[in-house]
Protein backbone atom coordinates (compact mmCIF):
# COMPACT_ATOMS: atom_id res chain seq x y z
CA MET A 1 -8.11 -6.10 4.52
CA SER A 2 -7.01 -7.96 7.58
CA THR A 3 -3.47 -7.59 8.85
CA GLU A 4 -3.15 -11.37 8.74
CA GLY A 5 -3.98 -11.47 5.03
CA GLY A 6 -1.42 -8.78 4.28
CA SER A 7 1.23 -10.61 6.30
CA LYS A 8 0.77 -13.79 4.25
CA ALA A 9 1.45 -11.90 1.04
CA ILE A 10 4.45 -10.10 2.59
CA ILE A 11 6.02 -13.33 3.87
CA ALA A 12 5.52 -15.02 0.48
CA ALA A 13 7.18 -12.05 -1.25
CA LEU A 14 10.03 -11.96 1.29
CA SER A 15 10.78 -15.67 0.87
CA ALA A 16 10.78 -15.38 -2.92
CA ASN A 17 12.95 -12.26 -2.99
CA LEU A 18 15.61 -13.62 -0.64
CA GLY A 19 16.02 -16.74 -2.74
CA ILE A 20 16.02 -14.77 -5.97
CA ALA A 21 18.55 -12.21 -4.66
CA VAL A 22 21.08 -14.94 -3.84
CA THR A 23 20.84 -16.54 -7.28
CA LYS A 24 21.09 -13.17 -9.04
CA PHE A 25 24.24 -12.18 -7.15
CA VAL A 26 25.79 -15.58 -7.92
CA ALA A 27 24.94 -15.05 -11.60
CA PHE A 28 26.47 -11.57 -11.50
CA GLY A 29 29.64 -12.95 -9.93
CA LEU A 30 29.99 -15.47 -12.74
CA THR A 31 29.02 -13.24 -15.69
CA GLN A 32 29.57 -9.61 -14.56
CA SER A 33 26.22 -8.72 -16.16
CA SER A 34 24.99 -5.31 -15.01
CA SER A 35 21.38 -6.40 -15.53
CA MET A 36 21.95 -9.23 -13.06
CA LEU A 37 23.55 -6.82 -10.57
CA ALA A 38 20.65 -4.37 -10.91
CA GLU A 39 18.15 -7.18 -10.46
CA GLY A 40 20.09 -8.50 -7.44
CA ILE A 41 19.98 -5.07 -5.79
CA HIS A 42 16.28 -4.83 -6.74
CA SER A 43 15.49 -8.14 -4.99
CA LEU A 44 17.60 -7.17 -1.98
CA ALA A 45 15.77 -3.83 -1.69
CA ASP A 46 12.42 -5.61 -2.02
CA SER A 47 13.41 -8.00 0.78
CA GLY A 48 14.24 -5.05 3.02
CA ASN A 49 10.95 -3.44 2.08
CA GLN A 50 8.97 -6.50 3.13
CA VAL A 51 10.81 -6.61 6.47
CA LEU A 52 9.84 -2.96 7.00
CA LEU A 53 6.17 -3.73 6.23
CA LEU A 54 6.22 -6.54 8.80
CA VAL A 55 7.81 -4.22 11.37
CA GLY A 56 5.21 -1.53 10.62
CA GLY A 57 2.39 -4.05 11.10
CA ARG A 58 3.82 -5.17 14.42
CA ARG A 59 4.31 -1.60 15.70
CA ALA A 60 0.76 -0.71 14.67
CA GLU A 61 -0.55 -3.35 17.10
CA ARG A 62 0.64 -1.42 20.16
CA LYS A 63 -2.10 -0.22 22.46
CA ALA A 64 -3.15 3.41 22.71
CA ASN A 65 -1.63 5.41 25.57
CA GLU A 66 -1.63 8.97 26.88
CA GLU A 67 1.04 10.04 24.39
CA HIS A 68 -0.75 8.41 21.44
CA PRO A 69 -4.44 8.39 22.45
CA PHE A 70 -5.58 7.19 19.01
CA GLY A 71 -3.13 4.30 18.93
CA TYR A 72 -0.35 3.44 16.48
CA GLY A 73 -2.37 2.30 13.47
CA ARG A 74 -0.83 4.90 11.18
CA SER A 75 2.58 3.27 11.66
CA ARG A 76 1.57 1.06 8.75
CA PHE A 77 1.23 4.16 6.55
CA LEU A 78 4.62 5.46 7.68
CA TYR A 79 6.50 2.24 6.97
CA ALA A 80 4.83 1.87 3.58
CA PHE A 81 6.05 5.39 2.74
CA ILE A 82 9.59 4.47 3.82
CA VAL A 83 9.36 1.46 1.51
CA SER A 84 8.60 3.73 -1.46
CA VAL A 85 11.63 5.89 -0.65
CA ILE A 86 13.92 2.85 -0.41
CA LEU A 87 12.57 1.45 -3.67
CA PHE A 88 13.44 4.76 -5.33
CA SER A 89 16.85 5.42 -3.78
CA VAL A 90 18.30 1.92 -3.44
CA GLY A 91 16.67 0.21 -6.41
CA GLY A 92 15.96 2.82 -9.07
CA LEU A 93 18.90 5.20 -8.70
CA PHE A 94 21.45 2.41 -8.33
CA ALA A 95 20.15 0.71 -11.48
CA LEU A 96 20.43 3.96 -13.44
CA TYR A 97 23.98 4.51 -12.18
CA GLU A 98 24.96 0.96 -13.13
CA ALA A 99 23.38 1.43 -16.58
CA TYR A 100 25.43 4.59 -17.15
CA HIS A 101 28.61 2.81 -16.06
CA LYS A 102 27.91 -0.20 -18.29
CA TRP A 103 27.07 2.01 -21.28
CA SER A 104 30.37 3.86 -20.86
CA HIS A 105 32.33 0.61 -20.47
CA PRO A 106 30.37 -2.13 -22.27
CA GLU A 107 31.50 -5.71 -21.85
CA PRO A 108 30.07 -8.81 -23.52
CA ILE A 109 29.03 -11.82 -21.44
CA GLU A 110 31.82 -14.29 -22.19
CA ASN A 111 31.68 -16.76 -19.30
CA TRP A 112 28.83 -18.91 -18.04
CA GLN A 113 26.58 -17.51 -20.72
CA TRP A 114 23.65 -19.82 -19.88
CA VAL A 115 23.61 -18.84 -16.19
CA PRO A 116 21.83 -15.43 -16.35
CA VAL A 117 19.12 -16.75 -18.66
CA ALA A 118 18.48 -19.76 -16.41
CA VAL A 119 18.44 -17.60 -13.27
CA LEU A 120 16.04 -15.09 -14.81
CA LEU A 121 13.64 -17.81 -15.94
CA VAL A 122 13.62 -19.37 -12.45
CA ALA A 123 13.17 -15.92 -10.90
CA ILE A 124 10.18 -15.22 -13.15
CA GLY A 125 8.57 -18.41 -11.85
CA MET A 126 9.23 -17.49 -8.20
CA GLU A 127 8.02 -13.91 -8.62
CA GLY A 128 4.93 -15.21 -10.39
CA PHE A 129 4.15 -17.35 -7.34
CA SER A 130 4.60 -14.35 -5.04
CA LEU A 131 2.32 -12.18 -7.20
CA ARG A 132 -0.28 -14.96 -7.33
CA THR A 133 -0.32 -15.09 -3.51
CA ALA A 134 -0.78 -11.30 -3.28
CA ILE A 135 -3.64 -11.43 -5.80
CA GLN A 136 -5.37 -14.21 -3.84
CA GLU A 137 -5.08 -12.21 -0.61
CA ALA A 138 -6.35 -9.00 -2.25
CA ASN A 139 -9.31 -10.47 -4.15
CA PRO A 140 -11.67 -10.78 -1.13
CA THR A 141 -11.27 -7.07 -0.36
CA ARG A 142 -11.49 -5.66 -3.90
CA ASP A 143 -15.31 -5.57 -3.92
CA GLY A 144 -15.44 -5.68 -7.71
CA ARG A 145 -13.03 -2.78 -8.18
CA ASN A 146 -10.36 -2.97 -10.86
CA TRP A 147 -6.78 -3.24 -9.67
CA TRP A 148 -5.96 0.45 -10.19
CA ARG A 149 -8.99 1.56 -8.18
CA PHE A 150 -8.10 -0.93 -5.45
CA ILE A 151 -4.56 0.43 -5.18
CA ARG A 152 -5.84 4.01 -5.17
CA GLU A 153 -8.72 3.56 -2.70
CA THR A 154 -7.68 0.92 -0.18
CA LYS A 155 -6.61 2.19 3.23
CA SER A 156 -4.45 -0.87 3.98
CA PRO A 157 -1.02 -0.20 2.45
CA GLU A 158 0.61 -3.64 2.58
CA LEU A 159 -1.14 -5.45 -0.27
CA PRO A 160 -0.89 -2.57 -2.78
CA VAL A 161 2.82 -2.27 -1.96
CA VAL A 162 3.39 -6.00 -2.50
CA LEU A 163 1.24 -6.03 -5.65
CA LEU A 164 3.16 -3.13 -7.19
CA GLU A 165 6.53 -4.51 -6.08
CA ASP A 166 5.83 -7.95 -7.52
CA THR A 167 4.46 -6.52 -10.76
CA ALA A 168 7.54 -4.31 -11.06
CA ALA A 169 9.78 -7.29 -10.25
CA LEU A 170 8.21 -9.45 -12.98
CA THR A 171 8.44 -6.62 -15.50
CA GLY A 172 12.03 -5.91 -14.45
CA LEU A 173 12.95 -9.57 -14.97
CA VAL A 174 11.56 -9.38 -18.51
CA PHE A 175 13.67 -6.24 -19.11
CA ALA A 176 16.75 -8.00 -17.71
CA LEU A 177 16.08 -11.07 -19.88
CA PHE A 178 15.81 -8.78 -22.91
CA GLY A 179 19.12 -7.03 -22.10
CA VAL A 180 20.99 -10.25 -21.38
CA SER A 181 19.59 -12.07 -24.44
CA MET A 182 20.45 -9.21 -26.80
CA THR A 183 23.95 -9.01 -25.31
CA LEU A 184 24.47 -12.74 -25.89
CA ILE A 185 23.10 -12.53 -29.44
CA THR A 186 24.99 -9.41 -30.55
CA GLY A 187 28.04 -9.52 -28.31
CA ASP A 188 27.41 -5.83 -27.51
CA GLY A 189 27.38 -5.06 -23.78
CA ARG A 190 25.36 -1.88 -24.34
CA TRP A 191 22.22 -3.99 -24.58
CA ASP A 192 22.91 -5.06 -20.99
CA ALA A 193 23.03 -1.37 -20.05
CA VAL A 194 19.72 -0.76 -21.84
CA GLY A 195 18.04 -3.52 -19.83
CA THR A 196 19.49 -2.10 -16.62
CA ALA A 197 18.26 1.43 -17.44
CA MET A 198 14.76 0.10 -18.15
CA ILE A 199 14.76 -1.58 -14.72
CA GLY A 200 15.85 1.66 -13.04
CA LEU A 201 13.17 3.76 -14.73
CA LEU A 202 10.52 1.16 -13.88
CA LEU A 203 11.46 1.21 -10.19
CA ILE A 204 11.37 5.00 -10.05
CA VAL A 205 7.87 5.09 -11.59
CA VAL A 206 6.55 2.46 -9.14
CA ALA A 207 8.22 4.23 -6.21
CA GLY A 208 6.56 7.49 -7.26
CA ILE A 209 3.11 5.87 -7.34
CA LEU A 210 3.67 4.31 -3.92
CA ALA A 211 4.97 7.58 -2.47
CA MET A 212 1.92 9.53 -3.66
CA GLU A 213 -0.58 7.00 -2.33
CA THR A 214 1.06 6.43 1.06
CA SER A 215 1.80 10.12 1.62
CA SER A 216 -1.91 10.85 1.13
CA LEU A 217 -2.70 8.32 3.87
CA LEU A 218 -0.04 9.84 6.12
CA VAL A 219 -1.47 13.33 5.72
CA GLY A 220 -4.92 11.94 6.58
CA GLU A 221 -7.75 10.57 4.47
CA GLY A 222 -11.41 10.41 5.37
CA ALA A 223 -14.11 7.98 4.37
CA ASP A 224 -14.87 7.85 0.65
CA PRO A 225 -18.17 9.43 -0.52
CA ALA A 226 -20.14 6.17 -0.53
CA ASP A 227 -19.04 5.25 3.01
CA LEU A 228 -19.67 8.81 4.20
CA GLU A 229 -23.26 8.62 2.93
CA ARG A 230 -23.74 5.29 4.73
CA ILE A 231 -22.53 6.85 7.98
CA LYS A 232 -24.80 9.90 7.62
CA THR A 233 -27.78 7.68 6.86
CA ALA A 234 -27.00 5.48 9.85
CA LEU A 235 -26.77 8.48 12.20
CA VAL A 236 -30.33 9.56 11.48
CA GLY A 237 -32.94 7.56 13.40
CA ASP A 238 -34.84 7.47 16.69
CA GLY A 239 -34.09 10.73 18.47
CA VAL A 240 -31.80 12.10 15.71
CA ASN A 241 -33.40 14.27 13.02
CA SER A 242 -30.40 15.11 10.86
CA VAL A 243 -26.63 15.51 10.58
CA ILE A 244 -25.50 19.12 10.83
CA HIS A 245 -21.87 18.50 9.87
CA ILE A 246 -19.49 15.56 9.94
CA ARG A 247 -15.76 14.87 9.70
CA THR A 248 -14.05 11.49 9.27
CA LEU A 249 -10.40 10.44 9.46
CA TYR A 250 -8.62 7.09 9.17
CA VAL A 251 -6.33 6.88 12.20
CA GLY A 252 -5.28 3.40 11.02
CA PRO A 253 -6.01 1.17 8.03
CA GLU A 254 -8.93 -0.47 9.84
CA GLU A 255 -9.85 2.28 12.29
CA LEU A 256 -12.02 5.22 11.25
CA MET A 257 -12.74 8.21 13.48
CA VAL A 258 -16.15 9.87 13.06
CA ALA A 259 -16.90 13.30 14.55
CA ALA A 260 -20.33 14.78 13.89
CA LYS A 261 -22.75 17.40 15.14
CA ILE A 262 -26.26 15.97 15.09
CA ALA A 263 -29.70 17.54 15.47
CA VAL A 264 -31.64 15.70 18.19
CA VAL A 265 -35.35 15.87 18.96
CA PRO A 266 -36.13 18.63 21.50
CA THR A 267 -36.51 17.11 24.97
CA GLU A 268 -35.97 18.09 28.57
CA SER A 269 -34.43 14.72 29.43
CA ALA A 270 -30.66 14.32 29.19
CA VAL A 271 -31.27 10.58 29.44
CA GLU A 272 -33.24 10.62 26.19
CA VAL A 273 -30.51 12.63 24.43
CA ALA A 274 -27.84 10.23 25.66
CA ALA A 275 -29.93 7.26 24.55
CA ALA A 276 -30.37 8.80 21.08
CA ILE A 277 -26.60 9.31 20.79
CA ASN A 278 -25.84 5.76 21.92
CA GLU A 279 -28.30 4.29 19.44
CA ALA A 280 -26.81 6.42 16.66
CA GLU A 281 -23.36 5.05 17.48
CA VAL A 282 -24.66 1.49 17.31
CA ARG A 283 -26.20 2.15 13.89
CA VAL A 284 -22.97 3.66 12.55
CA ARG A 285 -20.85 0.73 13.74
CA ALA A 286 -23.30 -1.67 12.13
CA ALA A 287 -23.04 0.22 8.83
CA MET A 288 -19.25 0.82 9.05
CA PRO A 289 -17.39 -1.64 11.33
CA GLU A 290 -14.19 0.40 10.84
CA ALA A 291 -15.80 3.33 12.73
CA LYS A 292 -14.28 2.47 16.09
CA LEU A 293 -13.97 6.07 17.34
CA ILE A 294 -17.23 8.06 17.27
CA PHE A 295 -17.68 11.53 18.78
CA LEU A 296 -21.16 13.07 18.55
CA GLU A 297 -22.18 16.57 19.62
CA PRO A 298 -25.93 17.06 20.01
CA ASP A 299 -27.85 20.19 19.07
CA ILE A 300 -31.58 20.90 19.10
CA ALA A 301 -33.56 20.28 15.92
CA HIS A 302 -36.35 22.73 15.09
CA GLY A 303 -39.00 21.42 12.74
CA SER A 304 -37.61 19.51 9.77
CA GLY A 305 -34.48 21.59 9.48
CA GLY A 306 -31.25 21.80 11.44
CA PRO A 307 -30.60 23.69 14.68
CA HIS A 308 -32.42 27.00 15.06
CA GLY A 309 -33.93 26.71 11.56
CA VAL A 310 -30.62 26.06 9.75
CA PRO A 311 -31.09 23.38 7.06
CA ALA A 312 -29.25 20.14 7.78
CA THR A 313 -26.31 19.12 5.57
């Protein structure tokens, strides 16, 4: 995924959430509906999350220096993890607290009864547009994977965050519409609390998924098995007999580090060894454009096996 593509989805989500947050808070002020308050806080938290993703993308563009020789690409992982924490603490926990308060002190919606329903229906339309934009930006990079696999396997955190946020927002709006509608129909404010609690639990589940995925990227993930096989195949060629061992690490969403020990053809010429290494690097970059950092250590191949008769792996 390109950073530009992710930014388009983030900006679309930010624009939608800011507009939705204002209308939800106005509706809460008129009706005192806890579902509307929870949804307003939800949209406000989402807006802050999208700002953080934009900041993380900008900070990741800084050039490598002596203090950070591999650059700042993993800033995008860090800010995505912060987003998951905010979604949990600000959105989920506040909604659960408000649900408890409303359940203990239920109040029917007596004034401006049409306002929350109208606001929620408009918000569903706006969130649907935001989700549609995120889907359009993600489709070119899915490579036929289903959405769950895409969220689990992609190394670019922005689109999965926006996809999960928008899906949670749409689902939360349906929960809020349920709580508000049942409150209006029955006159019992506890239904409003039920809708609010459902929103809180939803946000906590989504935040947990985001936290697990982004924390894995923060700790450090390597190339997936299929990409790793492509790299190992690309390393073997003129002057390189086999791969003795290999390690990979994503130092940024679009920057993969490859470190390998390779078995080269026995020769007395350092020039030939260097040429074999350079050609191997070219082949790897052709097979995996993300492999921007490649470190190869040569060893001598003996026969068809690895160094000193050790079979290659």
